[in-house]
């Protein structure tokens, strides 16, 4: 009988670890978005990349200054920005609007939830690859604000 308690405790621990692993936000168990849920929004030469986050749960806090890189693409802290919810480029290309967050002008503070993903996971869409070309980072940031 003493053998059964440690085995039960070990099974409970394995279950707990598995449940916690599912909350890491790496998206590894989630289906990848299709081409239909990706868009490239451009206004006055400023480009915002939008990709529906689907069931991804990205729990990191992303904060930094909204920037526009030399390729005309939005970044946060020199990392390419992709928004995982409804968004648009503000008139004149001087910032972005994100559902649940509001307007953020270039130079303004971004402070929302999200996560980092490898640049090689970006879709093979021409403008997306242009935005990533020459990036100082090997990652992009996917913003997934709670709405």
C-alpha atoms as a PDB file:
ATOM      1  CA  UNK A   1       0.000   0.000   0.000  1.00  0.00           C
ATOM      2  CA  UNK A   2       2.844   2.404   0.586  1.00  0.00           C
ATOM      3  CA  UNK A   3       3.783   2.045  -3.087  1.00  0.00           C
ATOM      4  CA  UNK A   4       0.401   3.339  -4.278  1.00  0.00           C
ATOM      5  CA  UNK A   5       0.656   6.754  -2.598  1.00  0.00           C
ATOM      6  CA  UNK A   6       3.953   7.783  -4.268  1.00  0.00           C
ATOM      7  CA  UNK A   7       2.652   6.608  -7.652  1.00  0.00           C
ATOM      8  CA  UNK A   8      -0.561   8.604  -7.181  1.00  0.00           C
ATOM      9  CA  UNK A   9       1.449  11.671  -6.132  1.00  0.00           C
ATOM     10  CA  UNK A  10       3.716  11.288  -9.166  1.00  0.00           C
ATOM     11  CA  UNK A  11       0.748  11.048 -11.527  1.00  0.00           C
ATOM     12  CA  UNK A  12      -0.787  14.154  -9.914  1.00  0.00           C
ATOM     13  CA  UNK A  13       2.498  16.030 -10.374  1.00  0.00           C
ATOM     14  CA  UNK A  14       2.760  14.994 -14.026  1.00  0.00           C
ATOM     15  CA  UNK A  15      -0.802  16.181 -14.633  1.00  0.00           C
ATOM     16  CA  UNK A  16      -0.091  19.530 -12.954  1.00  0.00           C
ATOM     17  CA  UNK A  17       3.126  20.046 -14.955  1.00  0.00           C
ATOM     18  CA  UNK A  18       1.269  19.230 -18.178  1.00  0.00           C
ATOM     19  CA  UNK A  19      -1.476  21.706 -17.330  1.00  0.00           C
ATOM     20  CA  UNK A  20       1.035  24.447 -16.530  1.00  0.00           C
ATOM     21  CA  UNK A  21       2.984  23.774 -19.716  1.00  0.00           C
ATOM     22  CA  UNK A  22      -0.155  24.436 -21.735  1.00  0.00           C
ATOM     23  CA  UNK A  23      -0.259  27.983 -20.318  1.00  0.00           C
ATOM     24  CA  UNK A  24       3.220  29.016 -21.358  1.00  0.00           C
ATOM     25  CA  UNK A  25       1.989  30.909 -24.383  1.00  0.00           C
ATOM     26  CA  UNK A  26       4.415  29.420 -26.855  1.00  0.00           C
ATOM     27  CA  UNK A  27       1.520  28.531 -29.154  1.00  0.00           C
ATOM     28  CA  UNK A  28       3.030  25.113 -29.839  1.00  0.00           C
ATOM     29  CA  UNK A  29      -0.297  23.317 -29.412  1.00  0.00           C
ATOM     30  CA  UNK A  30      -2.310  25.847 -31.362  1.00  0.00           C
ATOM     31  CA  UNK A  31      -3.217  25.698 -35.025  1.00  0.00           C
ATOM     32  CA  UNK A  32      -1.305  28.192 -37.141  1.00  0.00           C
ATOM     33  CA  UNK A  33      -3.420  30.965 -38.661  1.00  0.00           C
ATOM     34  CA  UNK A  34      -4.283  30.676 -42.339  1.00  0.00           C
ATOM     35  CA  UNK A  35      -3.461  33.234 -45.029  1.00  0.00           C
ATOM     36  CA  UNK A  36      -7.043  34.562 -44.772  1.00  0.00           C
ATOM     37  CA  UNK A  37      -6.460  35.867 -41.244  1.00  0.00           C
ATOM     38  CA  UNK A  38      -3.309  37.808 -42.130  1.00  0.00           C
ATOM     39  CA  UNK A  39      -3.340  41.318 -43.478  1.00  0.00           C
ATOM     40  CA  UNK A  40      -0.979  44.135 -44.307  1.00  0.00           C
ATOM     41  CA  UNK A  41      -2.335  47.585 -43.506  1.00  0.00           C
ATOM     42  CA  UNK A  42      -0.598  50.562 -45.100  1.00  0.00           C
ATOM     43  CA  UNK A  43      -1.347  54.257 -44.713  1.00  0.00           C
ATOM     44  CA  UNK A  44       0.982  56.993 -45.999  1.00  0.00           C
ATOM     45  CA  UNK A  45       3.847  54.501 -46.316  1.00  0.00           C
ATOM     46  CA  UNK A  46       3.497  53.103 -42.770  1.00  0.00           C
ATOM     47  CA  UNK A  47       2.827  49.357 -42.608  1.00  0.00           C
ATOM     48  CA  UNK A  48       1.164  47.409 -39.791  1.00  0.00           C
ATOM     49  CA  UNK A  49       1.132  43.612 -39.920  1.00  0.00           C
ATOM     50  CA  UNK A  50      -1.967  41.926 -38.483  1.00  0.00           C
ATOM     51  CA  UNK A  51      -2.303  38.196 -37.856  1.00  0.00           C
ATOM     52  CA  UNK A  52      -5.208  36.737 -35.915  1.00  0.00           C
ATOM     53  CA  UNK A  53      -3.740  35.142 -32.832  1.00  0.00           C
ATOM     54  CA  UNK A  54      -6.365  32.392 -32.833  1.00  0.00           C
ATOM     55  CA  UNK A  55      -6.185  30.355 -29.656  1.00  0.00           C
ATOM     56  CA  UNK A  56      -2.678  31.478 -28.746  1.00  0.00           C
ATOM     57  CA  UNK A  57      -2.312  32.591 -25.153  1.00  0.00           C
ATOM     58  CA  UNK A  58       0.674  34.894 -24.995  1.00  0.00           C
ATOM     59  CA  UNK A  59       1.163  36.143 -21.487  1.00  0.00           C
ATOM     60  CA  UNK A  60       4.317  38.246 -21.607  1.00  0.00           C
ATOM     61  CA  UNK A  61       4.081  41.962 -20.934  1.00  0.00           C
ATOM     62  CA  UNK A  62       5.278  43.894 -23.966  1.00  0.00           C
ATOM     63  CA  UNK A  63       6.285  47.479 -23.361  1.00  0.00           C
ATOM     64  CA  UNK A  64       8.355  50.013 -25.198  1.00  0.00           C
ATOM     65  CA  UNK A  65       8.201  52.907 -27.611  1.00  0.00           C
ATOM     66  CA  UNK A  66       6.285  52.512 -30.866  1.00  0.00           C
ATOM     67  CA  UNK A  67       8.735  53.065 -33.713  1.00  0.00           C
ATOM     68  CA  UNK A  68       8.660  53.114 -37.491  1.00  0.00           C
ATOM     69  CA  UNK A  69      11.712  51.432 -39.032  1.00  0.00           C
ATOM     70  CA  UNK A  70      13.508  52.459 -42.222  1.00  0.00           C
ATOM     71  CA  UNK A  71      11.338  49.985 -44.179  1.00  0.00           C
ATOM     72  CA  UNK A  72       8.171  51.775 -43.031  1.00  0.00           C
ATOM     73  CA  UNK A  73       7.077  48.990 -40.639  1.00  0.00           C
ATOM     74  CA  UNK A  74       6.047  49.398 -37.022  1.00  0.00           C
ATOM     75  CA  UNK A  75       8.340  48.078 -34.275  1.00  0.00           C
ATOM     76  CA  UNK A  76       8.557  48.049 -30.499  1.00  0.00           C
ATOM     77  CA  UNK A  77      12.088  48.289 -29.048  1.00  0.00           C
ATOM     78  CA  UNK A  78      13.617  47.527 -32.472  1.00  0.00           C
ATOM     79  CA  UNK A  79      11.559  44.333 -32.827  1.00  0.00           C
ATOM     80  CA  UNK A  80       9.054  43.945 -35.696  1.00  0.00           C
ATOM     81  CA  UNK A  81       5.476  44.391 -34.501  1.00  0.00           C
ATOM     82  CA  UNK A  82       2.591  42.114 -35.487  1.00  0.00           C
ATOM     83  CA  UNK A  83      -0.824  42.731 -33.925  1.00  0.00           C
ATOM     84  CA  UNK A  84      -2.999  39.714 -33.116  1.00  0.00           C
ATOM     85  CA  UNK A  85      -6.336  41.511 -32.931  1.00  0.00           C
ATOM     86  CA  UNK A  86      -8.336  44.139 -34.788  1.00  0.00           C
ATOM     87  CA  UNK A  87      -6.077  47.095 -35.590  1.00  0.00           C
ATOM     88  CA  UNK A  88      -5.451  49.846 -38.118  1.00  0.00           C
ATOM     89  CA  UNK A  89      -2.905  52.477 -39.095  1.00  0.00           C
ATOM     90  CA  UNK A  90      -3.861  56.001 -38.012  1.00  0.00           C
ATOM     91  CA  UNK A  91      -4.465  58.680 -40.636  1.00  0.00           C
ATOM     92  CA  UNK A  92      -1.181  59.905 -42.070  1.00  0.00           C
ATOM     93  CA  UNK A  93       0.624  56.766 -40.881  1.00  0.00           C
ATOM     94  CA  UNK A  94       1.618  58.438 -37.609  1.00  0.00           C
ATOM     95  CA  UNK A  95       0.614  55.590 -35.322  1.00  0.00           C
ATOM     96  CA  UNK A  96      -1.737  52.672 -34.825  1.00  0.00           C
ATOM     97  CA  UNK A  97      -5.087  51.894 -33.232  1.00  0.00           C
ATOM     98  CA  UNK A  98      -5.491  48.534 -31.461  1.00  0.00           C
ATOM     99  CA  UNK A  99      -8.853  47.197 -30.299  1.00  0.00           C
ATOM    100  CA  UNK A 100      -9.013  47.297 -26.519  1.00  0.00           C
ATOM    101  CA  UNK A 101      -5.985  49.611 -26.311  1.00  0.00           C
ATOM    102  CA  UNK A 102      -6.776  52.664 -28.446  1.00  0.00           C
ATOM    103  CA  UNK A 103      -4.489  55.007 -30.366  1.00  0.00           C
ATOM    104  CA  UNK A 104      -0.715  54.798 -29.996  1.00  0.00           C
ATOM    105  CA  UNK A 105       1.277  57.404 -31.879  1.00  0.00           C
ATOM    106  CA  UNK A 106       4.868  56.917 -33.066  1.00  0.00           C
ATOM    107  CA  UNK A 107       7.023  57.632 -30.014  1.00  0.00           C
ATOM    108  CA  UNK A 108       4.149  56.659 -27.703  1.00  0.00           C
ATOM    109  CA  UNK A 109       4.298  53.891 -25.134  1.00  0.00           C
ATOM    110  CA  UNK A 110       3.098  50.372 -25.998  1.00  0.00           C
ATOM    111  CA  UNK A 111       2.154  48.367 -22.903  1.00  0.00           C
ATOM    112  CA  UNK A 112       0.080  45.253 -23.681  1.00  0.00           C
ATOM    113  CA  UNK A 113       0.239  41.478 -23.454  1.00  0.00           C
ATOM    114  CA  UNK A 114       1.878  39.404 -26.160  1.00  0.00           C
ATOM    115  CA  UNK A 115       4.861  37.232 -26.870  1.00  0.00           C
ATOM    116  CA  UNK A 116       7.939  36.835 -29.016  1.00  0.00           C
ATOM    117  CA  UNK A 117       8.215  34.460 -31.963  1.00  0.00           C
ATOM    118  CA  UNK A 118      11.029  33.688 -34.379  1.00  0.00           C
ATOM    119  CA  UNK A 119      11.162  35.738 -37.601  1.00  0.00           C
ATOM    120  CA  UNK A 120      11.373  32.532 -39.635  1.00  0.00           C
ATOM    121  CA  UNK A 121       7.778  31.841 -38.533  1.00  0.00           C
ATOM    122  CA  UNK A 122       6.481  34.862 -40.453  1.00  0.00           C
ATOM    123  CA  UNK A 123       4.371  34.017 -43.490  1.00  0.00           C
ATOM    124  CA  UNK A 124       6.039  34.074 -46.898  1.00  0.00           C
ATOM    125  CA  UNK A 125       4.135  37.178 -47.963  1.00  0.00           C
ATOM    126  CA  UNK A 126       6.231  39.727 -49.849  1.00  0.00           C
ATOM    127  CA  UNK A 127       5.572  42.803 -47.685  1.00  0.00           C
ATOM    128  CA  UNK A 128       5.947  40.792 -44.478  1.00  0.00           C
ATOM    129  CA  UNK A 129       9.356  39.572 -45.601  1.00  0.00           C
ATOM    130  CA  UNK A 130      10.333  43.127 -46.609  1.00  0.00           C
ATOM    131  CA  UNK A 131       9.410  44.328 -43.114  1.00  0.00           C
ATOM    132  CA  UNK A 132      11.572  41.605 -41.548  1.00  0.00           C
ATOM    133  CA  UNK A 133      14.556  42.113 -43.891  1.00  0.00           C
ATOM    134  CA  UNK A 134      17.498  43.726 -42.159  1.00  0.00           C
ATOM    135  CA  UNK A 135      15.874  43.488 -38.732  1.00  0.00           C
ATOM    136  CA  UNK A 136      18.229  43.863 -35.794  1.00  0.00           C
ATOM    137  CA  UNK A 137      16.352  41.047 -34.029  1.00  0.00           C
ATOM    138  CA  UNK A 138      15.753  37.404 -34.904  1.00  0.00           C
ATOM    139  CA  UNK A 139      12.275  37.654 -33.382  1.00  0.00           C
ATOM    140  CA  UNK A 140       9.052  39.547 -33.871  1.00  0.00           C
ATOM    141  CA  UNK A 141       6.567  40.562 -31.218  1.00  0.00           C
ATOM    142  CA  UNK A 142       2.943  39.437 -31.493  1.00  0.00           C
ATOM    143  CA  UNK A 143       0.652  41.694 -29.467  1.00  0.00           C
ATOM    144  CA  UNK A 144      -2.431  39.972 -28.075  1.00  0.00           C
ATOM    145  CA  UNK A 145      -4.150  42.518 -25.835  1.00  0.00           C
ATOM    146  CA  UNK A 146      -7.145  41.369 -23.869  1.00  0.00           C
ATOM    147  CA  UNK A 147     -10.266  42.777 -25.449  1.00  0.00           C
END
